[in-house]
Amino acid sequence: MLWELRRKALSLIPEWFVRLKVFMLKNELSKKGQERLLYSCGGLRGRFVDEIIRDYISCQLQGYEEVQRLYLALKKEKERLYKENQGLIYKVMRSMRVSPDDWEEVQDIAKFALYQAIEDWDEKHALSTLAVPLIMSRVQEYYEKNLKNSFLSYDEHVKEGEEDTFEIFCGAEDKGFNQAELKDLISRLEEKERELISLVYFEGYTIKEAGEKLGFSQKRASHIHKLALKKLKKLILGKEVVV
């Protein structure tokens, strides 16, 4: 579907414009010694095709309105693919045992990797075959760049009080909970736990920032966070919550 839309859009763009844009892209990439990134499987990568289409629309040359209509459909299709496959992000991060402290930054990196995989997907194989290795590679690069400890294996034992955040949230996904149902589970927590979890996982606060907003010390906020996650895990697994 993505490449069908791209081909239709390119068929409406004059050949001279495409050639000029490819020349400019080659020149720009060759300066960085990365011209090979321009091509995949004998053709232009999806992200560069999309750039050509966007530039043609921005120039408002003849027939750009129809090209724009196709580009909007292309954008909508990419958004659909992202929504349908964002579970890959959580499964990869769960398997790599990403620390709750790194949740926000690593999740952003993983999201970008999934978007990149969607753009470069040739549609000949399952999207996951491209997305999963790419997400893992980008997350690993993050840890290596920041000189953090290497990942725990998925099967490694997790100590009491150190439940893996992604195991909890992916556990909800595996059991068929959608976000609304997960929020309903969160609403069963005590007020301070509910507020802190909502701030951290739905509003983008760090645990420290959420604690400050709620008037807790960092140590207290961390304790409330761990306790809330333990309760959520028991709720997801259908076990009795021990307060």
C-alpha atoms as a PDB file:
ATOM      1  CA  MET A   1       0.000   0.000   0.000  1.00  0.00           C
ATOM      2  CA  LEU A   2       2.801   2.449   0.884  1.00  0.00           C
ATOM      3  CA  TRP A   3       4.704   1.826  -2.326  1.00  0.00           C
ATOM      4  CA  GLU A   4       1.557   1.806  -4.411  1.00  0.00           C
ATOM      5  CA  LEU A   5       0.804   5.325  -3.194  1.00  0.00           C
ATOM      6  CA  ARG A   6       4.419   6.393  -3.735  1.00  0.00           C
ATOM      7  CA  ARG A   7       4.462   5.070  -7.286  1.00  0.00           C
ATOM      8  CA  LYS A   8       1.224   6.873  -8.111  1.00  0.00           C
ATOM      9  CA  ALA A   9       2.591  10.130  -6.711  1.00  0.00           C
ATOM     10  CA  LEU A  10       5.916   9.784  -8.557  1.00  0.00           C
ATOM     11  CA  SER A  11       4.077   9.121 -11.820  1.00  0.00           C
ATOM     12  CA  LEU A  12       2.569  12.629 -11.518  1.00  0.00           C
ATOM     13  CA  ILE A  13       5.907  14.323 -10.822  1.00  0.00           C
ATOM     14  CA  PRO A  14       8.000  15.379 -13.871  1.00  0.00           C
ATOM     15  CA  GLU A  15      11.070  13.217 -14.413  1.00  0.00           C
ATOM     16  CA  TRP A  16      13.351  16.275 -14.427  1.00  0.00           C
ATOM     17  CA  PHE A  17      12.246  17.155 -10.896  1.00  0.00           C
ATOM     18  CA  VAL A  18      12.884  13.625  -9.613  1.00  0.00           C
ATOM     19  CA  ARG A  19      16.324  13.512 -11.269  1.00  0.00           C
ATOM     20  CA  LEU A  20      17.247  16.909  -9.830  1.00  0.00           C
ATOM     21  CA  LYS A  21      16.176  15.925  -6.352  1.00  0.00           C
ATOM     22  CA  VAL A  22      18.028  12.589  -6.488  1.00  0.00           C
ATOM     23  CA  PHE A  23      21.166  14.438  -7.624  1.00  0.00           C
ATOM     24  CA  MET A  24      20.843  16.823  -4.684  1.00  0.00           C
ATOM     25  CA  LEU A  25      20.303  13.957  -2.248  1.00  0.00           C
ATOM     26  CA  LYS A  26      23.331  12.082  -3.619  1.00  0.00           C
ATOM     27  CA  ASN A  27      25.476  15.180  -3.300  1.00  0.00           C
ATOM     28  CA  GLU A  28      24.306  15.836   0.252  1.00  0.00           C
ATOM     29  CA  LEU A  29      24.856  12.253   1.375  1.00  0.00           C
ATOM     30  CA  SER A  30      28.188  11.807  -0.428  1.00  0.00           C
ATOM     31  CA  LYS A  31      29.615  14.665   1.615  1.00  0.00           C
ATOM     32  CA  LYS A  32      28.920  12.558   4.682  1.00  0.00           C
ATOM     33  CA  GLY A  33      30.231   9.403   3.032  1.00  0.00           C
ATOM     34  CA  GLN A  34      26.814   7.785   3.297  1.00  0.00           C
ATOM     35  CA  GLU A  35      25.461   7.713  -0.256  1.00  0.00           C
ATOM     36  CA  ARG A  36      24.688   3.990   0.143  1.00  0.00           C
ATOM     37  CA  LEU A  37      21.909   5.000   2.581  1.00  0.00           C
ATOM     38  CA  LEU A  38      20.021   6.483  -0.353  1.00  0.00           C
ATOM     39  CA  TYR A  39      19.197   3.125  -1.914  1.00  0.00           C
ATOM     40  CA  SER A  40      17.666  -0.153  -0.807  1.00  0.00           C
ATOM     41  CA  CYS A  41      16.980  -3.264  -2.940  1.00  0.00           C
ATOM     42  CA  GLY A  42      17.958  -1.428  -6.117  1.00  0.00           C
ATOM     43  CA  GLY A  43      15.667   1.549  -5.574  1.00  0.00           C
ATOM     44  CA  LEU A  44      15.372   4.694  -3.510  1.00  0.00           C
ATOM     45  CA  ARG A  45      14.552   4.200   0.150  1.00  0.00           C
ATOM     46  CA  GLY A  46      11.025   5.138   1.134  1.00  0.00           C
ATOM     47  CA  ARG A  47      12.085   8.095   3.263  1.00  0.00           C
ATOM     48  CA  PHE A  48      13.815   9.736   0.280  1.00  0.00           C
ATOM     49  CA  VAL A  49      10.891   9.092  -2.055  1.00  0.00           C
ATOM     50  CA  ASP A  50       8.674  10.799   0.510  1.00  0.00           C
ATOM     51  CA  GLU A  51      11.096  13.724   0.630  1.00  0.00           C
ATOM     52  CA  ILE A  52      10.873  14.144  -3.145  1.00  0.00           C
ATOM     53  CA  ILE A  53       7.072  14.098  -2.942  1.00  0.00           C
ATOM     54  CA  ARG A  54       7.039  16.649  -0.106  1.00  0.00           C
ATOM     55  CA  ASP A  55       9.390  18.974  -1.975  1.00  0.00           C
ATOM     56  CA  TYR A  56       7.245  18.833  -5.109  1.00  0.00           C
ATOM     57  CA  ILE A  57       4.174  19.737  -3.064  1.00  0.00           C
ATOM     58  CA  SER A  58       6.001  22.608  -1.349  1.00  0.00           C
ATOM     59  CA  CYS A  59       6.996  24.030  -4.772  1.00  0.00           C
ATOM     60  CA  GLN A  60       3.320  23.943  -5.831  1.00  0.00           C
ATOM     61  CA  LEU A  61       4.191  22.956  -9.374  1.00  0.00           C
ATOM     62  CA  GLN A  62       1.665  21.716 -11.921  1.00  0.00           C
ATOM     63  CA  GLY A  63      -0.581  18.946 -10.602  1.00  0.00           C
ATOM     64  CA  TYR A  64       0.703  19.241  -7.039  1.00  0.00           C
ATOM     65  CA  GLU A  65      -2.848  19.052  -5.611  1.00  0.00           C
ATOM     66  CA  GLU A  66      -3.261  15.402  -6.697  1.00  0.00           C
ATOM     67  CA  VAL A  67       0.247  14.603  -5.452  1.00  0.00           C
ATOM     68  CA  GLN A  68      -0.687  16.201  -2.153  1.00  0.00           C
ATOM     69  CA  ARG A  69      -3.833  14.061  -1.918  1.00  0.00           C
ATOM     70  CA  LEU A  70      -1.749  10.923  -2.416  1.00  0.00           C
ATOM     71  CA  TYR A  71       0.825  12.102   0.107  1.00  0.00           C
ATOM     72  CA  LEU A  72      -1.882  12.635   2.730  1.00  0.00           C
ATOM     73  CA  ALA A  73      -3.115   9.093   2.080  1.00  0.00           C
ATOM     74  CA  LEU A  74       0.495   7.878   2.403  1.00  0.00           C
ATOM     75  CA  LYS A  75       0.880   9.689   5.703  1.00  0.00           C
ATOM     76  CA  LYS A  76      -2.374   8.216   6.993  1.00  0.00           C
ATOM     77  CA  GLU A  77      -1.236   4.715   6.018  1.00  0.00           C
ATOM     78  CA  LYS A  78       2.050   5.178   7.890  1.00  0.00           C
ATOM     79  CA  GLU A  79       0.124   6.326  10.965  1.00  0.00           C
ATOM     80  CA  ARG A  80      -2.067   3.225  10.727  1.00  0.00           C
ATOM     81  CA  LEU A  81       0.952   0.957  10.469  1.00  0.00           C
ATOM     82  CA  TYR A  82       2.535   2.646  13.468  1.00  0.00           C
ATOM     83  CA  LYS A  83      -0.560   2.175  15.631  1.00  0.00           C
ATOM     84  CA  GLU A  84      -0.886  -1.471  14.628  1.00  0.00           C
ATOM     85  CA  ASN A  85       2.778  -2.226  15.290  1.00  0.00           C
ATOM     86  CA  GLN A  86       3.683  -0.061  18.282  1.00  0.00           C
ATOM     87  CA  GLY A  87       3.404  -3.168  20.439  1.00  0.00           C
ATOM     88  CA  LEU A  88       6.767  -4.159  18.920  1.00  0.00           C
ATOM     89  CA  ILE A  89       8.323  -1.289  20.850  1.00  0.00           C
ATOM     90  CA  TYR A  90       7.155  -2.629  24.201  1.00  0.00           C
ATOM     91  CA  LYS A  91       8.018  -6.226  23.396  1.00  0.00           C
ATOM     92  CA  VAL A  92      11.558  -5.305  22.375  1.00  0.00           C
ATOM     93  CA  MET A  93      12.053  -3.091  25.411  1.00  0.00           C
ATOM     94  CA  ARG A  94      10.644  -5.764  27.674  1.00  0.00           C
ATOM     95  CA  SER A  95      12.974  -8.388  26.204  1.00  0.00           C
ATOM     96  CA  MET A  96      15.915  -6.009  26.737  1.00  0.00           C
ATOM     97  CA  ARG A  97      14.869  -5.318  30.323  1.00  0.00           C
ATOM     98  CA  VAL A  98      14.940  -1.531  29.924  1.00  0.00           C
ATOM     99  CA  SER A  99      15.135   0.139  33.316  1.00  0.00           C
ATOM    100  CA  PRO A 100      12.123   2.243  34.418  1.00  0.00           C
ATOM    101  CA  ASP A 101      14.566   5.132  34.904  1.00  0.00           C
ATOM    102  CA  ASP A 102      15.336   5.063  31.180  1.00  0.00           C
ATOM    103  CA  TRP A 103      11.710   4.566  30.084  1.00  0.00           C
ATOM    104  CA  GLU A 104      11.047   7.981  28.518  1.00  0.00           C
ATOM    105  CA  GLU A 105      14.287   8.451  26.618  1.00  0.00           C
ATOM    106  CA  VAL A 106      14.507   4.889  25.320  1.00  0.00           C
ATOM    107  CA  GLN A 107      10.833   4.872  24.323  1.00  0.00           C
ATOM    108  CA  ASP A 108      11.364   7.990  22.191  1.00  0.00           C
ATOM    109  CA  ILE A 109      14.346   6.333  20.501  1.00  0.00           C
ATOM    110  CA  ALA A 110      12.321   3.164  19.870  1.00  0.00           C
ATOM    111  CA  LYS A 111       9.392   5.144  18.450  1.00  0.00           C
ATOM    112  CA  PHE A 112      11.680   6.894  15.974  1.00  0.00           C
ATOM    113  CA  ALA A 113      13.186   3.541  14.970  1.00  0.00           C
ATOM    114  CA  LEU A 114       9.710   2.126  14.293  1.00  0.00           C
ATOM    115  CA  TYR A 115       8.813   5.155  12.150  1.00  0.00           C
ATOM    116  CA  GLN A 116      12.060   4.710  10.214  1.00  0.00           C
ATOM    117  CA  ALA A 117      11.345   1.009   9.698  1.00  0.00           C
ATOM    118  CA  ILE A 118       7.879   1.834   8.348  1.00  0.00           C
ATOM    119  CA  GLU A 119       9.332   4.377   5.913  1.00  0.00           C
ATOM    120  CA  ASP A 120      11.983   1.970   4.602  1.00  0.00           C
ATOM    121  CA  TRP A 121       9.779  -1.140   4.580  1.00  0.00           C
ATOM    122  CA  ASP A 122       9.725  -2.763   1.135  1.00  0.00           C
ATOM    123  CA  GLU A 123       6.471  -4.651   1.887  1.00  0.00           C
ATOM    124  CA  LYS A 124       8.015  -7.913   0.642  1.00  0.00           C
ATOM    125  CA  HIS A 125       8.431  -9.269   4.153  1.00  0.00           C
ATOM    126  CA  ALA A 126       6.681  -8.743   7.488  1.00  0.00           C
ATOM    127  CA  LEU A 127       7.297  -5.284   8.925  1.00  0.00           C
ATOM    128  CA  SER A 128       8.519  -6.843  12.171  1.00  0.00           C
ATOM    129  CA  THR A 129      11.501  -8.439  10.372  1.00  0.00           C
ATOM    130  CA  LEU A 130      12.829  -4.934   9.733  1.00  0.00           C
ATOM    131  CA  ALA A 131      11.435  -3.089  12.756  1.00  0.00           C
ATOM    132  CA  VAL A 132      12.528  -5.399  15.588  1.00  0.00           C
ATOM    133  CA  PRO A 133      16.262  -5.516  14.708  1.00  0.00           C
ATOM    134  CA  LEU A 134      16.263  -1.772  14.034  1.00  0.00           C
ATOM    135  CA  ILE A 135      14.622  -0.926  17.362  1.00  0.00           C
ATOM    136  CA  MET A 136      17.027  -3.237  19.203  1.00  0.00           C
ATOM    137  CA  SER A 137      19.992  -1.670  17.418  1.00  0.00           C
ATOM    138  CA  ARG A 138      18.926   1.892  18.266  1.00  0.00           C
ATOM    139  CA  VAL A 139      18.289   1.031  21.920  1.00  0.00           C
ATOM    140  CA  GLN A 140      21.643  -0.721  22.177  1.00  0.00           C
ATOM    141  CA  GLU A 141      23.351   2.318  20.649  1.00  0.00           C
ATOM    142  CA  TYR A 142      21.719   4.471  23.318  1.00  0.00           C
ATOM    143  CA  TYR A 143      23.109   2.321  26.104  1.00  0.00           C
ATOM    144  CA  GLU A 144      26.561   2.128  24.552  1.00  0.00           C
ATOM    145  CA  LYS A 145      26.664   5.871  23.973  1.00  0.00           C
ATOM    146  CA  ASN A 146      25.678   6.580  27.552  1.00  0.00           C
ATOM    147  CA  LEU A 147      28.055   3.924  28.897  1.00  0.00           C
ATOM    148  CA  LYS A 148      25.268   2.209  30.797  1.00  0.00           C
ATOM    149  CA  ASN A 149      25.219  -1.399  31.896  1.00  0.00           C
ATOM    150  CA  SER A 150      24.387  -3.997  29.279  1.00  0.00           C
ATOM    151  CA  PHE A 151      20.911  -5.445  29.284  1.00  0.00           C
ATOM    152  CA  LEU A 152      19.630  -8.261  31.415  1.00  0.00           C
ATOM    153  CA  SER A 153      18.370 -11.267  29.525  1.00  0.00           C
ATOM    154  CA  TYR A 154      14.605 -11.654  29.362  1.00  0.00           C
ATOM    155  CA  ASP A 155      14.755 -14.806  31.458  1.00  0.00           C
ATOM    156  CA  GLU A 156      16.949 -13.378  34.189  1.00  0.00           C
ATOM    157  CA  HIS A 157      15.413 -13.273  37.663  1.00  0.00           C
ATOM    158  CA  VAL A 158      13.987  -9.937  38.780  1.00  0.00           C
ATOM    159  CA  LYS A 159      14.438  -9.238  42.455  1.00  0.00           C
ATOM    160  CA  GLU A 160      11.516  -8.464  44.746  1.00  0.00           C
ATOM    161  CA  GLY A 161      10.587  -4.804  44.492  1.00  0.00           C
ATOM    162  CA  GLU A 162      12.316  -4.379  41.123  1.00  0.00           C
ATOM    163  CA  GLU A 163       9.513  -5.505  38.811  1.00  0.00           C
ATOM    164  CA  ASP A 164      10.238  -4.563  35.237  1.00  0.00           C
ATOM    165  CA  THR A 165       7.914  -1.803  34.119  1.00  0.00           C
ATOM    166  CA  PHE A 166       7.531  -3.131  30.594  1.00  0.00           C
ATOM    167  CA  GLU A 167       6.755  -6.603  31.877  1.00  0.00           C
ATOM    168  CA  ILE A 168       3.790  -5.080  33.695  1.00  0.00           C
ATOM    169  CA  PHE A 169       2.483  -2.971  30.858  1.00  0.00           C
ATOM    170  CA  CYS A 170       3.137  -5.610  28.205  1.00  0.00           C
ATOM    171  CA  GLY A 171       1.504  -8.137  30.478  1.00  0.00           C
ATOM    172  CA  ALA A 172      -1.624  -6.025  30.217  1.00  0.00           C
ATOM    173  CA  GLU A 173      -1.285  -5.967  26.426  1.00  0.00           C
ATOM    174  CA  ASP A 174      -0.779  -9.734  26.256  1.00  0.00           C
ATOM    175  CA  LYS A 175      -3.956 -10.270  28.256  1.00  0.00           C
ATOM    176  CA  GLY A 176      -5.963  -8.069  25.894  1.00  0.00           C
ATOM    177  CA  PHE A 177      -6.150  -4.881  27.981  1.00  0.00           C
ATOM    178  CA  ASN A 178      -6.396  -1.705  25.960  1.00  0.00           C
ATOM    179  CA  GLN A 179      -5.230   1.671  27.288  1.00  0.00           C
ATOM    180  CA  ALA A 180      -8.676   2.573  28.637  1.00  0.00           C
ATOM    181  CA  GLU A 181      -8.841  -0.698  30.571  1.00  0.00           C
ATOM    182  CA  LEU A 182      -5.327  -0.195  31.869  1.00  0.00           C
ATOM    183  CA  LYS A 183      -6.319   3.250  33.108  1.00  0.00           C
ATOM    184  CA  ASP A 184      -9.304   1.644  34.816  1.00  0.00           C
ATOM    185  CA  LEU A 185      -6.903  -0.662  36.685  1.00  0.00           C
ATOM    186  CA  ILE A 186      -4.809   2.347  37.648  1.00  0.00           C
ATOM    187  CA  SER A 187      -7.927   4.030  39.050  1.00  0.00           C
ATOM    188  CA  ARG A 188      -8.126   1.237  41.639  1.00  0.00           C
ATOM    189  CA  LEU A 189      -4.837   2.293  43.197  1.00  0.00           C
ATOM    190  CA  GLU A 190      -4.587   4.655  46.172  1.00  0.00           C
ATOM    191  CA  GLU A 191      -4.794   8.314  45.214  1.00  0.00           C
ATOM    192  CA  LYS A 192      -1.068   9.073  45.604  1.00  0.00           C
ATOM    193  CA  GLU A 193      -0.136   5.963  43.604  1.00  0.00           C
ATOM    194  CA  ARG A 194      -2.714   6.693  40.923  1.00  0.00           C
ATOM    195  CA  GLU A 195      -1.549  10.291  40.510  1.00  0.00           C
ATOM    196  CA  LEU A 196       2.118   9.369  40.336  1.00  0.00           C
ATOM    197  CA  ILE A 197       1.614   6.543  37.818  1.00  0.00           C
ATOM    198  CA  SER A 198      -0.559   8.773  35.625  1.00  0.00           C
ATOM    199  CA  LEU A 199       2.033  11.551  35.642  1.00  0.00           C
ATOM    200  CA  VAL A 200       4.902   9.205  34.794  1.00  0.00           C
ATOM    201  CA  TYR A 201       3.305   6.960  32.172  1.00  0.00           C
ATOM    202  CA  PHE A 202       0.661   9.141  30.555  1.00  0.00           C
ATOM    203  CA  GLU A 203       1.970  12.705  30.956  1.00  0.00           C
ATOM    204  CA  GLY A 204       5.698  12.212  30.413  1.00  0.00           C
ATOM    205  CA  TYR A 205       7.040  13.162  33.863  1.00  0.00           C
ATOM    206  CA  THR A 206      10.080  11.457  35.361  1.00  0.00           C
ATOM    207  CA  ILE A 207       9.575   9.803  38.747  1.00  0.00           C
ATOM    208  CA  LYS A 208      11.519  12.633  40.395  1.00  0.00           C
ATOM    209  CA  GLU A 209       9.469  15.345  38.635  1.00  0.00           C
ATOM    210  CA  ALA A 210       6.189  13.604  39.450  1.00  0.00           C
ATOM    211  CA  GLY A 211       7.241  13.336  43.089  1.00  0.00           C
ATOM    212  CA  GLU A 212       8.094  17.031  43.261  1.00  0.00           C
ATOM    213  CA  LYS A 213       4.759  17.933  41.685  1.00  0.00           C
ATOM    214  CA  LEU A 214       2.943  15.827  44.279  1.00  0.00           C
ATOM    215  CA  GLY A 215       5.071  17.034  47.189  1.00  0.00           C
ATOM    216  CA  PHE A 216       7.099  13.850  47.744  1.00  0.00           C
ATOM    217  CA  SER A 217      10.841  13.422  48.160  1.00  0.00           C
ATOM    218  CA  GLN A 218      12.584  11.463  45.414  1.00  0.00           C
ATOM    219  CA  LYS A 219      13.020   8.499  47.748  1.00  0.00           C
ATOM    220  CA  ARG A 220       9.337   8.555  48.709  1.00  0.00           C
ATOM    221  CA  ALA A 221       8.235   8.898  45.079  1.00  0.00           C
ATOM    222  CA  SER A 222      10.411   5.922  44.093  1.00  0.00           C
ATOM    223  CA  HIS A 223       8.878   3.831  46.886  1.00  0.00           C
ATOM    224  CA  ILE A 224       5.308   4.761  45.847  1.00  0.00           C
ATOM    225  CA  HIS A 225       6.188   3.997  42.214  1.00  0.00           C
ATOM    226  CA  LYS A 226       7.486   0.501  43.002  1.00  0.00           C
ATOM    227  CA  LEU A 227       4.530  -0.280  45.251  1.00  0.00           C
ATOM    228  CA  ALA A 228       2.038   0.901  42.624  1.00  0.00           C
ATOM    229  CA  LEU A 229       3.659  -1.250  39.931  1.00  0.00           C
ATOM    230  CA  LYS A 230       3.535  -4.314  42.187  1.00  0.00           C
ATOM    231  CA  LYS A 231      -0.190  -3.742  42.743  1.00  0.00           C
ATOM    232  CA  LEU A 232      -0.812  -3.213  39.024  1.00  0.00           C
ATOM    233  CA  LYS A 233       0.997  -6.420  38.189  1.00  0.00           C
ATOM    234  CA  LYS A 234      -1.232  -8.346  40.582  1.00  0.00           C
ATOM    235  CA  LEU A 235      -4.338  -6.718  39.146  1.00  0.00           C
ATOM    236  CA  ILE A 236      -3.285  -7.632  35.600  1.00  0.00           C
ATOM    237  CA  LEU A 237      -2.557 -11.183  36.608  1.00  0.00           C
ATOM    238  CA  GLY A 238      -5.908 -11.367  38.367  1.00  0.00           C
ATOM    239  CA  LYS A 239      -4.443 -11.808  41.808  1.00  0.00           C
ATOM    240  CA  GLU A 240      -5.602 -10.258  45.036  1.00  0.00           C
ATOM    241  CA  VAL A 241      -3.943  -6.951  45.798  1.00  0.00           C
ATOM    242  CA  VAL A 242      -2.194  -6.852  49.150  1.00  0.00           C
ATOM    243  CA  VAL A 243      -1.970  -3.319  50.494  1.00  0.00           C
END
